[in-house]
N, C-alpha and C. Protein backbone atom coordinates (compact mmCIF):
# COMPACT_ATOMS: atom_id res chain seq x y z
N UNK A 1 143.55 135.04 109.63
CA UNK A 1 144.11 136.37 109.83
C UNK A 1 143.09 137.41 109.35
N UNK A 2 142.91 138.44 110.13
CA UNK A 2 141.96 139.50 109.83
C UNK A 2 142.68 140.60 109.06
N UNK A 3 142.05 141.04 107.97
CA UNK A 3 142.62 142.12 107.18
C UNK A 3 142.32 143.46 107.84
N UNK A 4 143.34 144.27 107.96
CA UNK A 4 143.18 145.59 108.58
C UNK A 4 143.18 146.70 107.54
N UNK A 5 143.21 146.35 106.26
CA UNK A 5 143.24 147.39 105.24
C UNK A 5 141.88 148.06 105.13
N UNK A 6 141.94 149.36 104.95
CA UNK A 6 140.72 150.14 104.80
C UNK A 6 140.89 151.05 103.61
N UNK A 7 139.79 151.35 102.99
CA UNK A 7 139.82 152.35 101.94
C UNK A 7 139.89 153.71 102.62
N UNK A 8 140.86 154.53 102.25
CA UNK A 8 140.96 155.83 102.91
C UNK A 8 139.71 156.68 102.61
N UNK A 9 139.32 157.46 103.57
CA UNK A 9 138.16 158.33 103.40
C UNK A 9 138.48 159.40 102.37
N UNK A 10 137.53 159.64 101.51
CA UNK A 10 137.73 160.65 100.47
C UNK A 10 137.56 162.06 101.03
N UNK A 11 136.73 162.19 102.04
CA UNK A 11 136.41 163.50 102.60
C UNK A 11 136.90 163.61 104.03
N UNK A 12 137.20 164.81 104.45
CA UNK A 12 137.70 165.04 105.80
C UNK A 12 136.58 165.20 106.82
N UNK A 13 135.49 165.87 106.43
CA UNK A 13 134.40 166.19 107.37
C UNK A 13 133.06 165.61 106.94
N UNK A 14 132.82 165.66 105.66
CA UNK A 14 131.53 165.25 105.12
C UNK A 14 131.51 163.76 104.80
N UNK A 15 130.33 163.17 104.86
CA UNK A 15 130.17 161.80 104.37
C UNK A 15 130.08 161.87 102.85
N UNK A 16 130.15 160.74 102.22
CA UNK A 16 130.05 160.71 100.76
C UNK A 16 128.72 161.31 100.28
N UNK A 17 127.62 160.95 100.94
CA UNK A 17 126.31 161.47 100.52
C UNK A 17 126.18 162.97 100.82
N UNK A 18 126.75 163.43 101.94
CA UNK A 18 126.73 164.86 102.24
C UNK A 18 127.54 165.64 101.21
N UNK A 19 128.71 165.11 100.85
CA UNK A 19 129.56 165.78 99.87
C UNK A 19 128.85 165.86 98.52
N UNK A 20 128.18 164.79 98.13
CA UNK A 20 127.44 164.80 96.86
C UNK A 20 126.35 165.87 96.88
N UNK A 21 125.64 165.99 97.98
CA UNK A 21 124.59 166.99 98.10
C UNK A 21 125.16 168.40 98.10
N UNK A 22 126.25 168.64 98.81
CA UNK A 22 126.90 169.95 98.80
C UNK A 22 127.36 170.28 97.38
N UNK A 23 127.88 169.31 96.67
CA UNK A 23 128.32 169.51 95.30
C UNK A 23 127.15 169.93 94.40
N UNK A 24 126.02 169.26 94.53
CA UNK A 24 124.84 169.59 93.73
C UNK A 24 124.31 170.99 94.05
N UNK A 25 124.27 171.31 95.33
CA UNK A 25 123.80 172.64 95.75
C UNK A 25 124.76 173.72 95.25
N UNK A 26 126.06 173.48 95.38
CA UNK A 26 127.03 174.49 94.95
C UNK A 26 126.97 174.71 93.44
N UNK A 27 126.70 173.65 92.69
CA UNK A 27 126.58 173.80 91.24
C UNK A 27 125.32 174.58 90.87
N UNK A 28 124.30 174.52 91.70
CA UNK A 28 123.12 175.36 91.50
C UNK A 28 123.44 176.82 91.78
N UNK A 29 124.23 177.07 92.80
CA UNK A 29 124.56 178.44 93.21
C UNK A 29 125.53 179.09 92.22
N UNK A 30 126.52 178.33 91.76
CA UNK A 30 127.49 178.82 90.77
C UNK A 30 127.51 177.80 89.63
N UNK A 31 126.55 177.91 88.72
CA UNK A 31 126.42 176.89 87.67
C UNK A 31 127.47 177.03 86.57
N UNK A 32 127.72 175.92 85.93
CA UNK A 32 128.56 175.91 84.75
C UNK A 32 127.74 176.47 83.59
N UNK A 33 128.32 177.40 82.88
CA UNK A 33 127.71 177.92 81.66
C UNK A 33 128.84 177.97 80.62
N UNK A 34 129.12 179.12 80.04
CA UNK A 34 130.27 179.19 79.13
C UNK A 34 131.58 179.12 79.91
N UNK A 35 131.49 179.29 81.22
CA UNK A 35 132.65 179.18 82.11
C UNK A 35 132.42 178.04 83.10
N UNK A 36 133.49 177.48 83.64
CA UNK A 36 133.32 176.43 84.64
C UNK A 36 132.58 176.94 85.87
N UNK A 37 131.84 176.05 86.51
CA UNK A 37 131.09 176.39 87.71
C UNK A 37 131.74 175.84 88.96
N UNK A 38 130.92 175.76 89.99
CA UNK A 38 131.40 175.33 91.31
C UNK A 38 131.96 173.92 91.30
N UNK A 39 131.34 173.02 90.57
CA UNK A 39 131.82 171.63 90.55
C UNK A 39 133.24 171.58 90.02
N UNK A 40 133.47 172.21 88.89
CA UNK A 40 134.80 172.16 88.30
C UNK A 40 135.82 172.85 89.20
N UNK A 41 135.41 173.93 89.84
CA UNK A 41 136.34 174.68 90.69
C UNK A 41 136.65 173.97 92.01
N UNK A 42 135.91 172.91 92.33
CA UNK A 42 136.19 172.16 93.55
C UNK A 42 135.65 172.81 94.81
N UNK A 43 134.51 173.48 94.70
CA UNK A 43 133.92 174.16 95.86
C UNK A 43 133.65 173.18 97.00
N UNK A 44 133.17 171.98 96.68
CA UNK A 44 132.90 171.00 97.73
C UNK A 44 134.19 170.64 98.47
N UNK A 45 135.31 170.61 97.76
CA UNK A 45 136.61 170.34 98.42
C UNK A 45 136.94 171.45 99.41
N UNK A 46 136.72 172.69 99.00
CA UNK A 46 136.96 173.82 99.89
C UNK A 46 136.11 173.69 101.15
N UNK A 47 134.81 173.47 100.97
CA UNK A 47 133.90 173.40 102.12
C UNK A 47 134.31 172.27 103.05
N UNK A 48 134.61 171.10 102.49
CA UNK A 48 135.01 169.96 103.30
C UNK A 48 136.28 170.26 104.09
N UNK A 49 137.27 170.84 103.44
CA UNK A 49 138.53 171.18 104.13
C UNK A 49 138.31 172.20 105.24
N UNK A 50 137.49 173.20 104.97
CA UNK A 50 137.26 174.23 105.97
C UNK A 50 136.45 173.69 107.15
N UNK A 51 135.52 172.77 106.89
CA UNK A 51 134.75 172.16 107.98
C UNK A 51 135.63 171.29 108.87
N UNK A 52 136.77 170.87 108.36
CA UNK A 52 137.72 170.10 109.17
C UNK A 52 138.66 171.02 109.93
N UNK A 53 138.65 172.30 109.60
CA UNK A 53 139.56 173.25 110.23
C UNK A 53 138.84 174.45 110.79
N UNK A 54 139.08 175.62 110.19
CA UNK A 54 138.56 176.86 110.78
C UNK A 54 137.03 176.97 110.83
N UNK A 55 136.32 176.23 109.98
CA UNK A 55 134.86 176.30 109.98
C UNK A 55 134.24 175.11 110.73
N UNK A 56 135.02 174.45 111.55
CA UNK A 56 134.54 173.27 112.29
C UNK A 56 133.24 173.54 113.03
N UNK A 57 133.08 174.75 113.52
CA UNK A 57 131.87 175.09 114.27
C UNK A 57 130.60 175.01 113.43
N UNK A 58 130.75 175.02 112.09
CA UNK A 58 129.59 174.96 111.21
C UNK A 58 129.21 173.53 110.81
N UNK A 59 130.02 172.55 111.19
CA UNK A 59 129.73 171.17 110.79
C UNK A 59 128.35 170.70 111.25
N UNK A 60 127.94 170.95 112.50
CA UNK A 60 126.58 170.55 112.89
C UNK A 60 125.49 171.25 112.06
N UNK A 61 125.74 172.50 111.68
CA UNK A 61 124.78 173.22 110.83
C UNK A 61 124.66 172.55 109.47
N UNK A 62 125.79 172.13 108.92
CA UNK A 62 125.77 171.42 107.63
C UNK A 62 125.05 170.08 107.78
N UNK A 63 125.39 169.34 108.81
CA UNK A 63 124.77 168.02 108.98
C UNK A 63 123.25 168.12 109.09
N UNK A 64 122.75 169.01 109.93
CA UNK A 64 121.30 169.14 110.08
C UNK A 64 120.69 169.82 108.85
N UNK A 65 121.38 170.79 108.29
CA UNK A 65 120.87 171.50 107.11
C UNK A 65 120.72 170.60 105.90
N UNK A 66 121.68 169.70 105.70
CA UNK A 66 121.60 168.79 104.56
C UNK A 66 120.47 167.78 104.75
N UNK A 67 120.25 167.36 106.00
CA UNK A 67 119.09 166.50 106.29
C UNK A 67 117.82 167.28 105.95
N UNK A 68 117.78 168.55 106.33
CA UNK A 68 116.64 169.39 106.04
C UNK A 68 116.39 169.56 104.55
N UNK A 69 117.46 169.68 103.76
CA UNK A 69 117.33 169.80 102.31
C UNK A 69 116.64 168.55 101.75
N UNK A 70 117.05 167.38 102.22
CA UNK A 70 116.43 166.14 101.74
C UNK A 70 114.98 166.03 102.20
N UNK A 71 114.69 166.48 103.42
CA UNK A 71 113.29 166.49 103.89
C UNK A 71 112.44 167.39 103.01
N UNK A 72 112.96 168.55 102.69
CA UNK A 72 112.24 169.49 101.84
C UNK A 72 112.05 168.92 100.45
N UNK A 73 113.07 168.27 99.94
CA UNK A 73 112.98 167.66 98.61
C UNK A 73 111.86 166.62 98.56
N UNK A 74 111.81 165.79 99.58
CA UNK A 74 110.75 164.76 99.62
C UNK A 74 109.38 165.39 99.80
N UNK A 75 109.30 166.44 100.63
CA UNK A 75 108.02 167.11 100.88
C UNK A 75 107.51 167.83 99.62
N UNK A 76 108.42 168.46 98.90
CA UNK A 76 108.01 169.24 97.73
C UNK A 76 107.82 168.39 96.48
N UNK A 77 108.68 167.37 96.30
CA UNK A 77 108.70 166.65 95.02
C UNK A 77 108.63 165.13 95.15
N UNK A 78 108.70 164.62 96.39
CA UNK A 78 108.63 163.17 96.58
C UNK A 78 109.88 162.41 96.19
N UNK A 79 110.98 163.12 95.98
CA UNK A 79 112.24 162.49 95.58
C UNK A 79 113.40 163.17 96.29
N UNK A 80 114.55 162.48 96.33
CA UNK A 80 115.75 163.09 96.90
C UNK A 80 116.25 164.19 95.97
N UNK A 81 117.03 165.09 96.51
CA UNK A 81 117.52 166.26 95.77
C UNK A 81 118.25 165.84 94.49
N UNK A 82 119.08 164.82 94.56
CA UNK A 82 119.86 164.40 93.40
C UNK A 82 118.97 163.92 92.26
N UNK A 83 117.77 163.47 92.55
CA UNK A 83 116.86 162.97 91.52
C UNK A 83 116.00 164.08 90.91
N UNK A 84 116.11 165.29 91.42
CA UNK A 84 115.29 166.40 90.92
C UNK A 84 115.88 166.97 89.63
N UNK A 85 115.00 167.51 88.80
CA UNK A 85 115.43 168.24 87.62
C UNK A 85 116.00 169.58 88.07
N UNK A 86 116.76 170.21 87.20
CA UNK A 86 117.43 171.49 87.51
C UNK A 86 116.45 172.51 88.06
N UNK A 87 115.33 172.70 87.38
CA UNK A 87 114.35 173.71 87.82
C UNK A 87 113.73 173.36 89.17
N UNK A 88 113.57 172.09 89.45
CA UNK A 88 113.04 171.67 90.76
C UNK A 88 114.06 171.95 91.86
N UNK A 89 115.33 171.68 91.58
CA UNK A 89 116.38 172.01 92.55
C UNK A 89 116.41 173.51 92.82
N UNK A 90 116.27 174.29 91.76
CA UNK A 90 116.24 175.75 91.91
C UNK A 90 115.07 176.18 92.79
N UNK A 91 113.90 175.62 92.55
CA UNK A 91 112.70 175.96 93.34
C UNK A 91 112.91 175.60 94.81
N UNK A 92 113.52 174.46 95.06
CA UNK A 92 113.78 174.05 96.44
C UNK A 92 114.73 175.03 97.12
N UNK A 93 115.79 175.41 96.44
CA UNK A 93 116.74 176.35 97.04
C UNK A 93 116.11 177.72 97.25
N UNK A 94 115.20 178.11 96.39
CA UNK A 94 114.48 179.37 96.62
C UNK A 94 113.61 179.28 97.86
N UNK A 95 113.00 178.12 98.08
CA UNK A 95 112.20 177.92 99.30
C UNK A 95 113.09 178.00 100.54
N UNK A 96 114.29 177.41 100.46
CA UNK A 96 115.24 177.53 101.58
C UNK A 96 115.59 178.99 101.82
N UNK A 97 115.97 179.67 100.75
CA UNK A 97 116.43 181.06 100.86
C UNK A 97 115.35 181.96 101.45
N UNK A 98 114.11 181.71 101.11
CA UNK A 98 113.02 182.55 101.59
C UNK A 98 112.58 182.20 103.01
N UNK A 99 113.11 181.10 103.54
CA UNK A 99 112.72 180.66 104.88
C UNK A 99 111.39 179.93 104.90
N UNK A 100 110.92 179.48 103.73
CA UNK A 100 109.62 178.81 103.62
C UNK A 100 109.75 177.34 103.27
N UNK A 101 110.89 176.75 103.57
CA UNK A 101 111.11 175.34 103.27
C UNK A 101 110.29 174.45 104.18
N UNK A 102 109.85 173.34 103.64
CA UNK A 102 109.07 172.37 104.40
C UNK A 102 110.01 171.32 104.98
N UNK A 103 109.62 170.74 106.10
CA UNK A 103 110.39 169.66 106.71
C UNK A 103 110.58 169.89 108.19
N UNK A 104 110.73 168.78 108.92
CA UNK A 104 110.85 168.83 110.37
C UNK A 104 112.06 169.63 110.84
N UNK A 105 113.15 169.56 110.10
CA UNK A 105 114.37 170.28 110.48
C UNK A 105 114.11 171.77 110.60
N UNK A 106 113.32 172.29 109.68
CA UNK A 106 113.11 173.74 109.61
C UNK A 106 112.09 174.24 110.64
N UNK A 107 111.55 173.34 111.44
CA UNK A 107 110.68 173.76 112.54
C UNK A 107 111.50 174.35 113.69
N UNK A 108 112.77 173.92 113.80
CA UNK A 108 113.63 174.41 114.89
C UNK A 108 114.84 175.18 114.37
N UNK A 109 115.09 175.13 113.09
CA UNK A 109 116.23 175.83 112.49
C UNK A 109 115.74 176.68 111.33
N UNK A 110 116.52 177.65 110.97
CA UNK A 110 116.16 178.55 109.87
C UNK A 110 116.74 178.04 108.55
N UNK A 111 115.86 177.75 107.61
CA UNK A 111 116.34 177.32 106.29
C UNK A 111 117.07 178.47 105.59
N UNK A 112 116.61 179.71 105.82
CA UNK A 112 117.27 180.87 105.20
C UNK A 112 118.69 181.03 105.74
N UNK A 113 118.87 180.79 107.03
CA UNK A 113 120.22 180.88 107.62
C UNK A 113 121.14 179.82 107.03
N UNK A 114 120.62 178.59 106.87
CA UNK A 114 121.43 177.54 106.27
C UNK A 114 121.77 177.89 104.82
N UNK A 115 120.80 178.38 104.07
CA UNK A 115 121.07 178.75 102.69
C UNK A 115 122.15 179.83 102.63
N UNK A 116 122.04 180.85 103.48
CA UNK A 116 123.05 181.91 103.51
C UNK A 116 124.43 181.35 103.80
N UNK A 117 124.50 180.41 104.74
CA UNK A 117 125.77 179.81 105.12
C UNK A 117 126.40 179.06 103.95
N UNK A 118 125.65 178.19 103.32
CA UNK A 118 126.23 177.39 102.23
C UNK A 118 126.51 178.27 101.01
N UNK A 119 125.68 179.27 100.76
CA UNK A 119 125.95 180.19 99.64
C UNK A 119 127.24 180.95 99.89
N UNK A 120 127.41 181.48 101.10
CA UNK A 120 128.64 182.22 101.42
C UNK A 120 129.87 181.33 101.27
N UNK A 121 129.79 180.10 101.73
CA UNK A 121 130.93 179.19 101.62
C UNK A 121 131.20 178.81 100.17
N UNK A 122 130.15 178.70 99.37
CA UNK A 122 130.35 178.43 97.94
C UNK A 122 131.10 179.57 97.28
N UNK A 123 130.72 180.78 97.60
CA UNK A 123 131.39 181.96 97.03
C UNK A 123 132.85 182.01 97.47
N UNK A 124 133.10 181.72 98.73
CA UNK A 124 134.48 181.71 99.22
C UNK A 124 135.30 180.64 98.51
N UNK A 125 134.71 179.47 98.30
CA UNK A 125 135.41 178.38 97.63
C UNK A 125 135.67 178.66 96.17
N UNK A 126 134.79 179.40 95.55
CA UNK A 126 134.94 179.70 94.12
C UNK A 126 135.90 180.86 93.89
N UNK A 127 135.79 181.90 94.70
CA UNK A 127 136.57 183.11 94.47
C UNK A 127 137.83 183.23 95.32
N UNK A 128 138.01 182.37 96.31
CA UNK A 128 139.16 182.46 97.19
C UNK A 128 140.42 181.86 96.58
N UNK A 129 141.45 181.80 97.37
CA UNK A 129 142.72 181.25 96.92
C UNK A 129 142.64 179.74 96.80
N UNK A 130 143.21 179.17 95.75
CA UNK A 130 143.23 177.71 95.61
C UNK A 130 143.93 176.99 96.76
N UNK A 131 144.79 177.67 97.48
CA UNK A 131 145.49 177.00 98.57
C UNK A 131 144.54 176.57 99.69
N UNK A 132 143.28 177.06 99.66
CA UNK A 132 142.29 176.68 100.67
C UNK A 132 141.38 175.55 100.19
N UNK A 133 141.63 175.02 99.00
CA UNK A 133 140.90 173.85 98.54
C UNK A 133 139.92 174.06 97.41
N UNK A 134 139.62 175.28 97.04
CA UNK A 134 138.70 175.55 95.93
C UNK A 134 139.40 176.33 94.83
N UNK A 135 138.60 176.94 93.96
CA UNK A 135 139.11 177.78 92.87
C UNK A 135 140.26 177.10 92.12
N UNK A 136 139.99 175.86 91.72
CA UNK A 136 141.01 175.08 91.01
C UNK A 136 141.56 175.84 89.81
N UNK A 137 142.85 175.85 89.69
CA UNK A 137 143.56 176.52 88.60
C UNK A 137 143.19 178.00 88.46
N UNK A 138 142.81 178.63 89.56
CA UNK A 138 142.46 180.05 89.57
C UNK A 138 141.32 180.36 88.58
N UNK A 139 140.38 179.43 88.44
CA UNK A 139 139.33 179.57 87.44
C UNK A 139 138.56 180.89 87.59
N UNK A 140 138.19 181.26 88.81
CA UNK A 140 137.42 182.50 88.96
C UNK A 140 138.26 183.73 88.66
N UNK A 141 139.55 183.66 88.93
CA UNK A 141 140.42 184.79 88.62
C UNK A 141 140.47 185.00 87.10
N UNK A 142 140.53 183.90 86.35
CA UNK A 142 140.54 184.01 84.88
C UNK A 142 139.21 184.56 84.38
N UNK A 143 138.11 184.12 84.98
CA UNK A 143 136.79 184.56 84.54
C UNK A 143 136.63 186.06 84.71
N UNK A 144 137.09 186.60 85.83
CA UNK A 144 136.91 188.04 86.06
C UNK A 144 138.11 188.87 85.61
N UNK A 145 139.11 188.21 85.01
CA UNK A 145 140.23 188.92 84.41
C UNK A 145 141.31 189.37 85.36
N UNK A 146 141.46 188.70 86.49
CA UNK A 146 142.53 189.04 87.43
C UNK A 146 143.80 188.28 87.08
N UNK A 147 144.92 188.90 87.31
CA UNK A 147 146.19 188.21 87.16
C UNK A 147 146.34 187.20 88.28
N UNK A 148 147.10 186.17 88.03
CA UNK A 148 147.39 185.21 89.09
C UNK A 148 148.24 185.91 90.14
N UNK A 149 147.91 185.73 91.40
CA UNK A 149 148.74 186.36 92.43
C UNK A 149 150.11 185.68 92.47
N UNK A 150 151.12 186.48 92.53
CA UNK A 150 152.46 185.93 92.63
C UNK A 150 152.85 185.88 94.09
N UNK A 151 153.04 184.68 94.58
CA UNK A 151 153.43 184.50 95.97
C UNK A 151 154.91 184.18 95.97
N UNK A 152 155.69 185.12 96.42
CA UNK A 152 157.13 184.97 96.39
C UNK A 152 157.67 184.55 97.74
N UNK A 153 157.00 184.89 98.77
CA UNK A 153 157.50 184.60 100.11
C UNK A 153 157.72 185.90 100.83
N UNK A 154 158.93 186.15 101.21
CA UNK A 154 159.25 187.38 101.94
C UNK A 154 159.21 188.58 101.00
N UNK A 155 158.89 189.72 101.55
CA UNK A 155 159.04 190.95 100.77
C UNK A 155 160.53 191.28 100.73
N UNK A 156 161.00 191.53 99.57
CA UNK A 156 162.41 191.84 99.43
C UNK A 156 162.53 193.29 98.96
N UNK A 157 163.37 194.04 99.62
CA UNK A 157 163.54 195.45 99.31
C UNK A 157 164.99 195.68 98.86
N UNK A 158 165.13 196.56 97.91
CA UNK A 158 166.48 196.93 97.48
C UNK A 158 167.10 197.83 98.53
N UNK A 159 168.36 197.61 98.76
CA UNK A 159 169.06 198.48 99.70
C UNK A 159 169.39 199.78 98.99
N UNK A 160 169.20 200.88 99.69
CA UNK A 160 169.51 202.19 99.13
C UNK A 160 170.92 202.58 99.42
């Protein structure tokens, strides 16, 4: 008898290695310091959920862009992004942002455009509503001193 059991996929759009890379990049963009950063806030969860839904059109950009990040990492440092030290990861992301990243991917695509895309999505995942998959426990709202939004449902008005 053949077993049909499968381990459920952890991610909706990204592969495990893509999700790990997005997580590392997002932690560089919004690092943990005295306050939680992108990793704790679940930014990679937000990006993955959105790539399965309203941001589906960006999935090919992520797939090729993440390949490009690894190409640049090998070209600049001879190692994959995850093996780089913090300052090396920062230098690589600065090369992406400036449009001067090395690698075959960036011969036909803009590294600056990819950096802008992932940075914007990181910010949305960190500062947006937790109902979209990021900003776990309203972490960014607490950091900037906002009250938790009260979602009651319908607007209710007193009758005059």
